[in-house]
Amino acid sequence: MPFWPDGCSTRNDCLVAEGTWAEQALRECLRALAADADDALGVTVVDSWTIAPDAFCVTYRHPYYEGILGCLEQLNPDDPDAQDPVRVGAEVAMFGIAEPLGAEERQLIADADGVRWTRGEPPPSRR
């Protein structure tokens, strides 16, 4: 029988439960992309970071598109479903990153480095 620290039903619960909303959601997003490689459609993560306690970014290559794409996710305080960072992270991985963009491809906005961002304006530069 595996040992998990108090308050954790699995090792993943303990890993994900630490940090800000953005850190937890980002960790789950990356875990979901790595764990579900078949569902991730060959997506390769280039970089990832948090930009605030309630927002994170992932840049990635998708086999259906040229160049590097970026996804910025921010907590919506008015959405009760968005309060769970694990749920949000998994949904961003599968539906915001791995799934083909469809009509959203026409709305991508490129930043100064040529990364094309979904969901509006690119985030502030990491530099």
N, C-alpha and C. Protein backbone atom coordinates (compact mmCIF):
# COMPACT_ATOMS: atom_id res chain seq x y z
N MET A 1 0.85 -1.18 0.00
CA MET A 1 0.00 0.00 0.00
C MET A 1 0.89 1.24 0.00
N PRO A 2 0.71 2.14 -0.98
CA PRO A 2 1.56 3.34 -1.02
C PRO A 2 1.25 4.30 0.12
N PHE A 3 2.25 5.06 0.48
CA PHE A 3 2.08 6.06 1.53
C PHE A 3 1.90 7.44 0.89
N TRP A 4 0.85 8.13 1.25
CA TRP A 4 0.62 9.50 0.81
C TRP A 4 0.54 10.38 2.05
N PRO A 5 1.10 11.56 2.02
CA PRO A 5 1.01 12.46 3.18
C PRO A 5 -0.43 12.75 3.56
N ASP A 6 -0.64 13.18 4.80
CA ASP A 6 -1.98 13.51 5.29
C ASP A 6 -2.69 14.48 4.34
N GLY A 7 -3.97 14.23 4.11
CA GLY A 7 -4.77 15.12 3.27
C GLY A 7 -4.68 14.81 1.79
N CYS A 8 -3.91 13.79 1.43
CA CYS A 8 -3.75 13.45 0.01
C CYS A 8 -4.24 12.03 -0.23
N SER A 9 -5.06 11.86 -1.26
CA SER A 9 -5.51 10.52 -1.58
C SER A 9 -4.59 9.87 -2.62
N THR A 10 -3.80 10.69 -3.32
CA THR A 10 -2.83 10.19 -4.29
C THR A 10 -1.61 11.08 -4.27
N ARG A 11 -0.53 10.60 -4.84
CA ARG A 11 0.69 11.41 -4.94
C ARG A 11 0.41 12.68 -5.74
N ASN A 12 -0.36 12.56 -6.82
CA ASN A 12 -0.66 13.72 -7.65
C ASN A 12 -1.43 14.79 -6.87
N ASP A 13 -2.36 14.37 -6.00
CA ASP A 13 -3.09 15.34 -5.18
C ASP A 13 -2.12 16.21 -4.38
N CYS A 14 -1.10 15.61 -3.84
CA CYS A 14 -0.14 16.35 -3.02
C CYS A 14 0.69 17.29 -3.87
N LEU A 15 1.12 16.82 -5.03
CA LEU A 15 1.93 17.67 -5.90
C LEU A 15 1.14 18.86 -6.40
N VAL A 16 -0.10 18.64 -6.79
CA VAL A 16 -0.91 19.69 -7.39
C VAL A 16 -1.41 20.66 -6.33
N ALA A 17 -1.58 20.22 -5.11
CA ALA A 17 -2.19 21.07 -4.08
C ALA A 17 -1.26 22.17 -3.56
N GLU A 18 -0.03 22.20 -4.00
CA GLU A 18 0.90 23.21 -3.52
C GLU A 18 1.00 24.37 -4.50
N GLY A 19 1.10 25.59 -3.98
CA GLY A 19 1.33 26.76 -4.82
C GLY A 19 0.07 27.55 -5.10
N THR A 20 0.25 28.61 -5.90
CA THR A 20 -0.86 29.48 -6.27
C THR A 20 -1.80 28.77 -7.24
N TRP A 21 -2.93 29.37 -7.51
CA TRP A 21 -3.87 28.81 -8.48
C TRP A 21 -3.15 28.59 -9.81
N ALA A 22 -2.38 29.57 -10.27
CA ALA A 22 -1.69 29.46 -11.56
C ALA A 22 -0.65 28.35 -11.54
N GLU A 23 0.11 28.22 -10.47
CA GLU A 23 1.12 27.16 -10.38
C GLU A 23 0.47 25.79 -10.40
N GLN A 24 -0.63 25.64 -9.68
CA GLN A 24 -1.33 24.35 -9.65
C GLN A 24 -1.93 24.02 -11.02
N ALA A 25 -2.57 25.01 -11.65
CA ALA A 25 -3.20 24.78 -12.95
C ALA A 25 -2.15 24.48 -14.01
N LEU A 26 -1.05 25.21 -14.00
CA LEU A 26 0.02 24.97 -14.96
C LEU A 26 0.61 23.57 -14.78
N ARG A 27 0.86 23.20 -13.54
CA ARG A 27 1.41 21.86 -13.26
C ARG A 27 0.48 20.78 -13.82
N GLU A 28 -0.82 20.94 -13.60
CA GLU A 28 -1.78 19.95 -14.10
C GLU A 28 -1.86 19.96 -15.62
N CYS A 29 -1.78 21.12 -16.22
CA CYS A 29 -1.79 21.23 -17.67
C CYS A 29 -0.62 20.46 -18.27
N LEU A 30 0.56 20.67 -17.75
CA LEU A 30 1.75 19.98 -18.25
C LEU A 30 1.68 18.49 -17.98
N ARG A 31 1.17 18.11 -16.81
CA ARG A 31 1.01 16.70 -16.49
C ARG A 31 0.05 16.03 -17.47
N ALA A 32 -1.07 16.70 -17.75
CA ALA A 32 -2.06 16.13 -18.66
C ALA A 32 -1.51 15.98 -20.07
N LEU A 33 -0.74 16.94 -20.53
CA LEU A 33 -0.15 16.85 -21.86
C LEU A 33 0.86 15.70 -21.92
N ALA A 34 1.63 15.50 -20.87
CA ALA A 34 2.62 14.42 -20.85
C ALA A 34 1.97 13.05 -20.66
N ALA A 35 0.96 12.99 -19.81
CA ALA A 35 0.32 11.70 -19.50
C ALA A 35 -0.56 11.20 -20.62
N ASP A 36 -1.19 12.10 -21.34
CA ASP A 36 -2.13 11.72 -22.38
C ASP A 36 -1.55 12.03 -23.75
N ALA A 37 -0.37 11.48 -24.02
CA ALA A 37 0.35 11.80 -25.26
C ALA A 37 -0.50 11.50 -26.49
N ASP A 38 -1.28 10.43 -26.46
CA ASP A 38 -2.13 10.12 -27.62
C ASP A 38 -3.19 11.19 -27.83
N ASP A 39 -3.79 11.64 -26.74
CA ASP A 39 -4.82 12.68 -26.84
C ASP A 39 -4.22 14.05 -27.14
N ALA A 40 -2.94 14.24 -26.82
CA ALA A 40 -2.30 15.54 -27.04
C ALA A 40 -1.90 15.75 -28.49
N LEU A 41 -2.13 14.77 -29.36
CA LEU A 41 -1.93 14.91 -30.81
C LEU A 41 -0.53 15.34 -31.21
N GLY A 42 0.47 14.96 -30.46
CA GLY A 42 1.84 15.30 -30.86
C GLY A 42 2.27 16.70 -30.50
N VAL A 43 1.59 17.35 -29.57
CA VAL A 43 1.97 18.69 -29.12
C VAL A 43 3.28 18.60 -28.35
N THR A 44 4.18 19.57 -28.60
CA THR A 44 5.44 19.66 -27.88
C THR A 44 5.49 21.00 -27.16
N VAL A 45 5.62 20.96 -25.84
CA VAL A 45 5.70 22.19 -25.05
C VAL A 45 7.08 22.81 -25.25
N VAL A 46 7.10 24.10 -25.56
CA VAL A 46 8.35 24.84 -25.74
C VAL A 46 8.74 25.50 -24.42
N ASP A 47 7.77 26.13 -23.75
CA ASP A 47 8.04 26.84 -22.50
C ASP A 47 6.74 26.99 -21.74
N SER A 48 6.84 27.25 -20.46
CA SER A 48 5.65 27.50 -19.63
C SER A 48 6.06 28.33 -18.43
N TRP A 49 5.14 29.17 -17.97
CA TRP A 49 5.42 30.03 -16.83
C TRP A 49 4.13 30.63 -16.30
N THR A 50 4.21 31.14 -15.08
CA THR A 50 3.10 31.90 -14.52
C THR A 50 3.41 33.38 -14.69
N ILE A 51 2.36 34.17 -14.91
CA ILE A 51 2.58 35.62 -15.02
C ILE A 51 1.95 36.37 -13.86
N ALA A 52 1.17 35.67 -13.05
CA ALA A 52 0.52 36.24 -11.87
C ALA A 52 0.01 35.05 -11.06
N PRO A 53 -0.43 35.26 -9.83
CA PRO A 53 -0.98 34.15 -9.06
C PRO A 53 -2.22 33.52 -9.70
N ASP A 54 -2.83 34.25 -10.65
CA ASP A 54 -4.05 33.73 -11.27
C ASP A 54 -3.95 33.58 -12.80
N ALA A 55 -2.72 33.50 -13.34
CA ALA A 55 -2.57 33.38 -14.79
C ALA A 55 -1.28 32.63 -15.15
N PHE A 56 -1.39 31.80 -16.20
CA PHE A 56 -0.22 31.08 -16.68
C PHE A 56 -0.21 31.03 -18.20
N CYS A 57 0.98 30.75 -18.73
CA CYS A 57 1.18 30.68 -20.18
C CYS A 57 1.89 29.39 -20.55
N VAL A 58 1.58 28.89 -21.73
CA VAL A 58 2.28 27.75 -22.31
C VAL A 58 2.53 28.07 -23.77
N THR A 59 3.78 27.93 -24.20
CA THR A 59 4.07 28.02 -25.63
C THR A 59 4.37 26.61 -26.10
N TYR A 60 3.97 26.32 -27.33
CA TYR A 60 4.04 24.93 -27.80
C TYR A 60 4.05 24.87 -29.32
N ARG A 61 4.46 23.72 -29.81
CA ARG A 61 4.37 23.41 -31.23
C ARG A 61 3.25 22.38 -31.41
N HIS A 62 2.43 22.62 -32.40
CA HIS A 62 1.33 21.71 -32.71
C HIS A 62 1.57 21.17 -34.11
N PRO A 63 1.44 19.86 -34.32
CA PRO A 63 1.77 19.30 -35.63
C PRO A 63 0.88 19.82 -36.77
N TYR A 64 -0.25 20.41 -36.47
CA TYR A 64 -1.15 20.92 -37.51
C TYR A 64 -0.83 22.34 -37.95
N TYR A 65 0.07 23.03 -37.20
CA TYR A 65 0.31 24.45 -37.46
C TYR A 65 1.79 24.75 -37.52
N GLU A 66 2.15 25.74 -38.32
CA GLU A 66 3.54 26.19 -38.43
C GLU A 66 3.91 27.05 -37.22
N GLY A 67 5.16 27.00 -36.83
CA GLY A 67 5.68 27.89 -35.79
C GLY A 67 5.23 27.54 -34.39
N ILE A 68 5.42 28.50 -33.51
CA ILE A 68 5.11 28.31 -32.09
C ILE A 68 3.80 29.02 -31.77
N LEU A 69 2.94 28.33 -31.04
CA LEU A 69 1.68 28.88 -30.57
C LEU A 69 1.78 29.14 -29.08
N GLY A 70 0.94 30.02 -28.58
CA GLY A 70 0.91 30.31 -27.16
C GLY A 70 -0.51 30.32 -26.63
N CYS A 71 -0.65 29.90 -25.40
CA CYS A 71 -1.95 29.90 -24.73
C CYS A 71 -1.79 30.59 -23.38
N LEU A 72 -2.59 31.60 -23.14
CA LEU A 72 -2.62 32.32 -21.87
C LEU A 72 -3.94 31.99 -21.20
N GLU A 73 -3.88 31.50 -19.99
CA GLU A 73 -5.10 31.18 -19.24
C GLU A 73 -5.11 31.99 -17.96
N GLN A 74 -6.25 32.62 -17.69
CA GLN A 74 -6.38 33.43 -16.48
C GLN A 74 -7.65 33.01 -15.74
N LEU A 75 -7.56 32.98 -14.43
CA LEU A 75 -8.70 32.63 -13.58
C LEU A 75 -9.83 33.61 -13.81
N ASN A 76 -11.01 33.09 -14.04
CA ASN A 76 -12.22 33.91 -14.12
C ASN A 76 -12.92 33.80 -12.77
N PRO A 77 -12.84 34.83 -11.93
CA PRO A 77 -13.40 34.73 -10.58
C PRO A 77 -14.92 34.57 -10.56
N ASP A 78 -15.58 34.90 -11.67
CA ASP A 78 -17.04 34.78 -11.74
C ASP A 78 -17.52 33.40 -12.16
N ASP A 79 -16.60 32.53 -12.56
CA ASP A 79 -16.96 31.19 -13.02
C ASP A 79 -16.66 30.18 -11.91
N PRO A 80 -17.70 29.60 -11.29
CA PRO A 80 -17.45 28.66 -10.20
C PRO A 80 -16.65 27.43 -10.63
N ASP A 81 -16.77 27.01 -11.90
CA ASP A 81 -16.01 25.86 -12.39
C ASP A 81 -14.53 26.17 -12.54
N ALA A 82 -14.17 27.44 -12.65
CA ALA A 82 -12.77 27.84 -12.86
C ALA A 82 -12.00 27.91 -11.55
N GLN A 83 -12.64 27.72 -10.43
CA GLN A 83 -11.95 27.83 -9.15
C GLN A 83 -11.04 26.63 -8.89
N ASP A 84 -11.30 25.52 -9.56
CA ASP A 84 -10.51 24.30 -9.36
C ASP A 84 -9.34 24.31 -10.35
N PRO A 85 -8.12 24.57 -9.88
CA PRO A 85 -6.99 24.68 -10.80
C PRO A 85 -6.66 23.36 -11.51
N VAL A 86 -6.92 22.24 -10.86
CA VAL A 86 -6.65 20.94 -11.49
C VAL A 86 -7.57 20.74 -12.69
N ARG A 87 -8.82 21.05 -12.50
CA ARG A 87 -9.79 20.92 -13.59
C ARG A 87 -9.43 21.86 -14.75
N VAL A 88 -9.13 23.10 -14.41
CA VAL A 88 -8.79 24.09 -15.44
C VAL A 88 -7.52 23.66 -16.19
N GLY A 89 -6.51 23.24 -15.47
CA GLY A 89 -5.27 22.81 -16.11
C GLY A 89 -5.48 21.67 -17.09
N ALA A 90 -6.27 20.68 -16.69
CA ALA A 90 -6.55 19.54 -17.57
C ALA A 90 -7.35 19.99 -18.79
N GLU A 91 -8.32 20.87 -18.58
CA GLU A 91 -9.14 21.35 -19.71
C GLU A 91 -8.32 22.19 -20.68
N VAL A 92 -7.44 23.03 -20.17
CA VAL A 92 -6.58 23.83 -21.04
C VAL A 92 -5.69 22.90 -21.87
N ALA A 93 -5.14 21.87 -21.24
CA ALA A 93 -4.28 20.93 -21.96
C ALA A 93 -5.02 20.28 -23.13
N MET A 94 -6.18 19.74 -22.86
CA MET A 94 -6.88 18.97 -23.89
C MET A 94 -7.67 19.83 -24.87
N PHE A 95 -8.30 20.89 -24.39
CA PHE A 95 -9.18 21.68 -25.26
C PHE A 95 -8.58 23.00 -25.73
N GLY A 96 -7.60 23.52 -24.99
CA GLY A 96 -6.99 24.79 -25.37
C GLY A 96 -5.68 24.63 -26.10
N ILE A 97 -5.01 23.48 -25.91
CA ILE A 97 -3.69 23.27 -26.51
C ILE A 97 -3.71 22.10 -27.49
N ALA A 98 -4.11 20.93 -27.05
CA ALA A 98 -4.01 19.73 -27.90
C ALA A 98 -5.03 19.72 -29.04
N GLU A 99 -6.21 20.19 -28.77
CA GLU A 99 -7.26 20.17 -29.79
C GLU A 99 -6.95 21.18 -30.90
N PRO A 100 -7.19 20.81 -32.17
CA PRO A 100 -6.96 21.79 -33.26
C PRO A 100 -7.76 23.07 -33.03
N LEU A 101 -7.23 24.18 -33.50
CA LEU A 101 -7.79 25.50 -33.23
C LEU A 101 -9.10 25.80 -33.95
N GLY A 102 -9.32 25.21 -35.10
CA GLY A 102 -10.53 25.51 -35.85
C GLY A 102 -10.58 26.98 -36.23
N ALA A 103 -11.75 27.59 -36.06
CA ALA A 103 -11.95 29.00 -36.44
C ALA A 103 -11.07 29.94 -35.64
N GLU A 104 -10.64 29.52 -34.46
CA GLU A 104 -9.80 30.37 -33.62
C GLU A 104 -8.45 30.68 -34.29
N GLU A 105 -8.04 29.84 -35.25
CA GLU A 105 -6.77 30.07 -35.92
C GLU A 105 -6.74 31.43 -36.61
N ARG A 106 -7.87 31.89 -37.09
CA ARG A 106 -7.93 33.20 -37.77
C ARG A 106 -7.78 34.36 -36.80
N GLN A 107 -7.88 34.11 -35.51
CA GLN A 107 -7.83 35.17 -34.52
C GLN A 107 -6.53 35.21 -33.73
N LEU A 108 -5.54 34.43 -34.15
CA LEU A 108 -4.26 34.42 -33.44
C LEU A 108 -3.57 35.77 -33.57
N ILE A 109 -2.93 36.19 -32.49
CA ILE A 109 -2.20 37.45 -32.47
C ILE A 109 -0.74 37.15 -32.17
N ALA A 110 0.15 37.59 -33.07
CA ALA A 110 1.58 37.32 -32.91
C ALA A 110 2.22 38.36 -31.99
N ASP A 111 3.16 37.89 -31.16
CA ASP A 111 3.94 38.81 -30.33
C ASP A 111 5.23 39.18 -31.07
N ALA A 112 6.09 39.93 -30.41
CA ALA A 112 7.33 40.41 -31.04
C ALA A 112 8.27 39.27 -31.43
N ASP A 113 8.14 38.12 -30.78
CA ASP A 113 8.99 36.96 -31.07
C ASP A 113 8.37 36.03 -32.12
N GLY A 114 7.19 36.38 -32.60
CA GLY A 114 6.53 35.55 -33.60
C GLY A 114 5.67 34.44 -33.04
N VAL A 115 5.55 34.35 -31.72
CA VAL A 115 4.65 33.36 -31.11
C VAL A 115 3.23 33.84 -31.37
N ARG A 116 2.39 32.96 -31.87
CA ARG A 116 1.00 33.31 -32.17
C ARG A 116 0.11 32.84 -31.01
N TRP A 117 -0.56 33.80 -30.38
CA TRP A 117 -1.32 33.56 -29.15
C TRP A 117 -2.81 33.40 -29.43
N THR A 118 -3.39 32.45 -28.72
CA THR A 118 -4.84 32.27 -28.72
C THR A 118 -5.43 33.13 -27.61
N ARG A 119 -6.70 33.33 -27.64
CA ARG A 119 -7.45 33.98 -26.55
C ARG A 119 -7.07 35.43 -26.31
N GLY A 120 -6.81 36.19 -27.36
CA GLY A 120 -6.60 37.62 -27.17
C GLY A 120 -5.16 38.05 -27.21
N GLU A 121 -4.90 39.17 -26.58
CA GLU A 121 -3.58 39.80 -26.61
C GLU A 121 -2.51 38.90 -26.00
N PRO A 122 -1.30 38.94 -26.55
CA PRO A 122 -0.20 38.20 -25.95
C PRO A 122 0.10 38.71 -24.55
N PRO A 123 0.64 37.87 -23.70
CA PRO A 123 0.98 38.32 -22.34
C PRO A 123 2.22 39.21 -22.37
N PRO A 124 2.50 39.84 -21.24
CA PRO A 124 3.75 40.62 -21.17
C PRO A 124 4.93 39.69 -21.43
N SER A 125 5.97 40.21 -22.01
CA SER A 125 7.16 39.41 -22.33
C SER A 125 7.79 38.85 -21.07
N ARG A 126 8.40 37.69 -21.19
CA ARG A 126 9.14 37.08 -20.07
C ARG A 126 10.48 37.75 -19.87
N ARG A 127 10.95 38.48 -20.84
CA ARG A 127 12.31 39.04 -20.76
C ARG A 127 12.38 40.23 -19.87
